[in-house]
Amino acid sequence: MRILIAEDDFAGRNYMLRFLSKYGECDITVDGMEALEAFAMALEEEERYDLICLDITMPILDGYQTLKQIRQMEKDLCIPDDKKAIIIMTSTLGERKNVRKAFELGCTAYAGKPINRIKFEKVLKKLELI
């Protein structure tokens, strides 16, 4: 499985990398713009990401903007729904409006921070990633 982690916090990046690297090859970006560049390169190389973990509060492009642009790129390339990247938004912003906005923009799941490994693994199993 190919995994993209977009997280601006150093400790958060390291935590997600250690946690997810047992499930597949992980690439890390520190902001939304880098995440879009990595996503575009993966599409060009025909080695798409299976899972993308996007933090909502990132510099340059936040997670919402990044999610919206990733979904638009997939739409422009006519990628069928069952082949689109699974995107899990991560955030300390647990308010209902933030969760709703993420799902309206096309996320697959939402995980509050701090990340609970047991709950996160249940989500990965439900999504048939592990």
C-alpha atoms as a PDB file:
ATOM      1  CA  MET A   1       0.000   0.000   0.000  1.00  0.00           C
ATOM      2  CA  ARG A   2       1.240   3.518  -0.835  1.00  0.00           C
ATOM      3  CA  ILE A   3       0.569   6.119   1.821  1.00  0.00           C
ATOM      4  CA  LEU A   4       0.920   9.897   1.748  1.00  0.00           C
ATOM      5  CA  ILE A   5       1.108  11.713   5.071  1.00  0.00           C
ATOM      6  CA  ALA A   6       0.521  15.476   4.929  1.00  0.00           C
ATOM      7  CA  GLU A   7       1.282  16.909   8.362  1.00  0.00           C
ATOM      8  CA  ASP A   8       3.013  20.171   9.267  1.00  0.00           C
ATOM      9  CA  ASP A   9       3.796  19.234  12.870  1.00  0.00           C
ATOM     10  CA  PHE A  10       7.123  17.417  13.260  1.00  0.00           C
ATOM     11  CA  ALA A  11       5.978  15.199  16.144  1.00  0.00           C
ATOM     12  CA  GLY A  12       2.732  14.396  14.333  1.00  0.00           C
ATOM     13  CA  ARG A  13       4.604  13.434  11.150  1.00  0.00           C
ATOM     14  CA  ASN A  14       6.947  11.132  13.042  1.00  0.00           C
ATOM     15  CA  TYR A  15       4.084   9.517  14.952  1.00  0.00           C
ATOM     16  CA  MET A  16       2.088   8.850  11.769  1.00  0.00           C
ATOM     17  CA  LEU A  17       5.184   7.580   9.948  1.00  0.00           C
ATOM     18  CA  ARG A  18       6.080   5.108  12.700  1.00  0.00           C
ATOM     19  CA  PHE A  19       2.471   3.987  12.963  1.00  0.00           C
ATOM     20  CA  LEU A  20       1.663   3.624   9.246  1.00  0.00           C
ATOM     21  CA  SER A  21       5.013   2.419   7.875  1.00  0.00           C
ATOM     22  CA  LYS A  22       4.192  -1.131   8.979  1.00  0.00           C
ATOM     23  CA  TYR A  23       1.306  -1.092   6.497  1.00  0.00           C
ATOM     24  CA  GLY A  24       3.093   0.241   3.449  1.00  0.00           C
ATOM     25  CA  GLU A  25       5.472   2.676   1.817  1.00  0.00           C
ATOM     26  CA  CYS A  26       5.000   6.158   3.281  1.00  0.00           C
ATOM     27  CA  ASP A  27       5.800   9.534   1.752  1.00  0.00           C
ATOM     28  CA  ILE A  28       5.688  12.655   3.905  1.00  0.00           C
ATOM     29  CA  THR A  29       4.836  16.246   3.044  1.00  0.00           C
ATOM     30  CA  VAL A  30       4.757  19.261   5.350  1.00  0.00           C
ATOM     31  CA  ASP A  31       2.027  21.348   3.710  1.00  0.00           C
ATOM     32  CA  GLY A  32      -0.873  21.107   1.311  1.00  0.00           C
ATOM     33  CA  MET A  33       1.081  22.326  -1.713  1.00  0.00           C
ATOM     34  CA  GLU A  34       3.703  19.595  -1.261  1.00  0.00           C
ATOM     35  CA  ALA A  35       0.906  17.054  -0.837  1.00  0.00           C
ATOM     36  CA  LEU A  36      -0.636  18.126  -4.160  1.00  0.00           C
ATOM     37  CA  GLU A  37       2.750  17.903  -5.878  1.00  0.00           C
ATOM     38  CA  ALA A  38       3.350  14.408  -4.470  1.00  0.00           C
ATOM     39  CA  PHE A  39      -0.152  13.337  -5.484  1.00  0.00           C
ATOM     40  CA  ALA A  40       0.314  14.667  -9.032  1.00  0.00           C
ATOM     41  CA  MET A  41       3.703  12.958  -9.386  1.00  0.00           C
ATOM     42  CA  ALA A  42       2.212   9.662  -8.203  1.00  0.00           C
ATOM     43  CA  LEU A  43      -0.530   9.962 -10.826  1.00  0.00           C
ATOM     44  CA  GLU A  44       2.025  10.703 -13.552  1.00  0.00           C
ATOM     45  CA  GLU A  45       4.130   7.714 -12.516  1.00  0.00           C
ATOM     46  CA  GLU A  46       0.980   5.557 -12.393  1.00  0.00           C
ATOM     47  CA  GLU A  47       1.750   4.632  -8.782  1.00  0.00           C
ATOM     48  CA  ARG A  48      -1.189   6.278  -7.062  1.00  0.00           C
ATOM     49  CA  TYR A  49      -1.588   6.552  -3.325  1.00  0.00           C
ATOM     50  CA  ASP A  50      -3.986   4.121  -1.711  1.00  0.00           C
ATOM     51  CA  LEU A  51      -4.255   6.175   1.470  1.00  0.00           C
ATOM     52  CA  ILE A  52      -3.756   9.872   2.101  1.00  0.00           C
ATOM     53  CA  CYS A  53      -3.746  11.280   5.634  1.00  0.00           C
ATOM     54  CA  LEU A  54      -4.350  15.040   5.502  1.00  0.00           C
ATOM     55  CA  ASP A  55      -4.039  17.362   8.446  1.00  0.00           C
ATOM     56  CA  ILE A  56      -6.606  20.147   8.224  1.00  0.00           C
ATOM     57  CA  THR A  57      -4.488  22.966   9.626  1.00  0.00           C
ATOM     58  CA  MET A  58      -1.443  23.169   7.374  1.00  0.00           C
ATOM     59  CA  PRO A  59       0.388  26.172   5.894  1.00  0.00           C
ATOM     60  CA  ILE A  60       0.190  27.320   2.273  1.00  0.00           C
ATOM     61  CA  LEU A  61      -2.838  25.117   1.474  1.00  0.00           C
ATOM     62  CA  ASP A  62      -4.893  23.745   4.313  1.00  0.00           C
ATOM     63  CA  GLY A  63      -6.281  20.237   4.342  1.00  0.00           C
ATOM     64  CA  TYR A  64      -9.683  21.327   3.016  1.00  0.00           C
ATOM     65  CA  GLN A  65      -8.145  23.078  -0.001  1.00  0.00           C
ATOM     66  CA  THR A  66      -5.827  20.135  -0.614  1.00  0.00           C
ATOM     67  CA  LEU A  67      -8.682  17.631  -0.399  1.00  0.00           C
ATOM     68  CA  LYS A  68     -10.789  19.670  -2.793  1.00  0.00           C
ATOM     69  CA  GLN A  69      -7.974  19.879  -5.344  1.00  0.00           C
ATOM     70  CA  ILE A  70      -7.123  16.170  -5.088  1.00  0.00           C
ATOM     71  CA  ARG A  71     -10.756  15.253  -5.728  1.00  0.00           C
ATOM     72  CA  GLN A  72     -10.859  17.679  -8.663  1.00  0.00           C
ATOM     73  CA  MET A  73      -7.709  16.126 -10.161  1.00  0.00           C
ATOM     74  CA  GLU A  74      -9.267  12.668  -9.860  1.00  0.00           C
ATOM     75  CA  LYS A  75     -12.460  13.946 -11.490  1.00  0.00           C
ATOM     76  CA  ASP A  76     -10.545  15.612 -14.330  1.00  0.00           C
ATOM     77  CA  LEU A  77      -8.745  12.317 -14.995  1.00  0.00           C
ATOM     78  CA  CYS A  78     -12.048  10.389 -14.879  1.00  0.00           C
ATOM     79  CA  ILE A  79     -10.784   8.129 -12.103  1.00  0.00           C
ATOM     80  CA  PRO A  80     -13.680   5.881 -11.078  1.00  0.00           C
ATOM     81  CA  ASP A  81     -14.908   6.122  -7.484  1.00  0.00           C
ATOM     82  CA  ASP A  82     -13.571   2.684  -6.579  1.00  0.00           C
ATOM     83  CA  LYS A  83     -10.064   3.729  -7.700  1.00  0.00           C
ATOM     84  CA  LYS A  84      -9.933   7.110  -5.948  1.00  0.00           C
ATOM     85  CA  ALA A  85      -7.559   7.576  -3.039  1.00  0.00           C
ATOM     86  CA  ILE A  86      -8.917   6.920   0.415  1.00  0.00           C
ATOM     87  CA  ILE A  87      -8.451  10.172   2.307  1.00  0.00           C
ATOM     88  CA  ILE A  88      -8.532  10.390   6.074  1.00  0.00           C
ATOM     89  CA  MET A  89      -8.603  13.909   7.458  1.00  0.00           C
ATOM     90  CA  THR A  90      -6.777  14.370  10.758  1.00  0.00           C
ATOM     91  CA  SER A  91      -7.295  17.302  13.077  1.00  0.00           C
ATOM     92  CA  THR A  92      -7.680  18.631  16.565  1.00  0.00           C
ATOM     93  CA  LEU A  93     -10.705  20.491  15.163  1.00  0.00           C
ATOM     94  CA  GLY A  94     -13.398  18.061  16.261  1.00  0.00           C
ATOM     95  CA  GLU A  95     -16.347  20.420  15.946  1.00  0.00           C
ATOM     96  CA  ARG A  96     -19.250  19.077  13.943  1.00  0.00           C
ATOM     97  CA  LYS A  97     -18.961  21.819  11.299  1.00  0.00           C
ATOM     98  CA  ASN A  98     -15.329  20.878  10.581  1.00  0.00           C
ATOM     99  CA  VAL A  99     -16.141  17.189  10.266  1.00  0.00           C
ATOM    100  CA  ARG A 100     -19.144  17.922   8.035  1.00  0.00           C
ATOM    101  CA  LYS A 101     -17.088  20.205   5.778  1.00  0.00           C
ATOM    102  CA  ALA A 102     -14.423  17.506   5.347  1.00  0.00           C
ATOM    103  CA  PHE A 103     -17.014  14.941   4.278  1.00  0.00           C
ATOM    104  CA  GLU A 104     -18.743  17.431   1.957  1.00  0.00           C
ATOM    105  CA  LEU A 105     -15.391  17.949   0.206  1.00  0.00           C
ATOM    106  CA  GLY A 106     -14.927  14.206  -0.275  1.00  0.00           C
ATOM    107  CA  CYS A 107     -12.946  12.733   2.581  1.00  0.00           C
ATOM    108  CA  THR A 108     -13.417   9.048   3.334  1.00  0.00           C
ATOM    109  CA  ALA A 109     -12.959   9.254   7.098  1.00  0.00           C
ATOM    110  CA  TYR A 110     -12.093  11.726   9.854  1.00  0.00           C
ATOM    111  CA  ALA A 111      -9.727  11.085  12.753  1.00  0.00           C
ATOM    112  CA  GLY A 112      -9.382  13.399  15.708  1.00  0.00           C
ATOM    113  CA  LYS A 113      -6.026  14.140  17.269  1.00  0.00           C
ATOM    114  CA  PRO A 114      -4.285  12.880  19.183  1.00  0.00           C
ATOM    115  CA  ILE A 115      -4.536   9.829  16.947  1.00  0.00           C
ATOM    116  CA  ASN A 116      -5.790   6.749  18.759  1.00  0.00           C
ATOM    117  CA  ARG A 117      -3.991   3.810  17.094  1.00  0.00           C
ATOM    118  CA  ILE A 118      -6.668   1.267  17.972  1.00  0.00           C
ATOM    119  CA  LYS A 119      -9.485   3.384  16.530  1.00  0.00           C
ATOM    120  CA  PHE A 120      -7.392   4.311  13.488  1.00  0.00           C
ATOM    121  CA  GLU A 121      -6.605   0.653  12.793  1.00  0.00           C
ATOM    122  CA  LYS A 122     -10.333  -0.170  13.049  1.00  0.00           C
ATOM    123  CA  VAL A 123     -10.997   2.457  10.394  1.00  0.00           C
ATOM    124  CA  LEU A 124      -8.240   1.005   8.177  1.00  0.00           C
ATOM    125  CA  LYS A 125      -9.750  -2.467   8.572  1.00  0.00           C
ATOM    126  CA  LYS A 126     -13.254  -1.175   7.803  1.00  0.00           C
ATOM    127  CA  LEU A 127     -11.872   0.463   4.653  1.00  0.00           C
ATOM    128  CA  GLU A 128     -10.190  -2.864   3.805  1.00  0.00           C
ATOM    129  CA  LEU A 129      -6.715  -1.333   3.763  1.00  0.00           C
ATOM    130  CA  ILE A 130      -5.300  -3.794   6.293  1.00  0.00           C
END
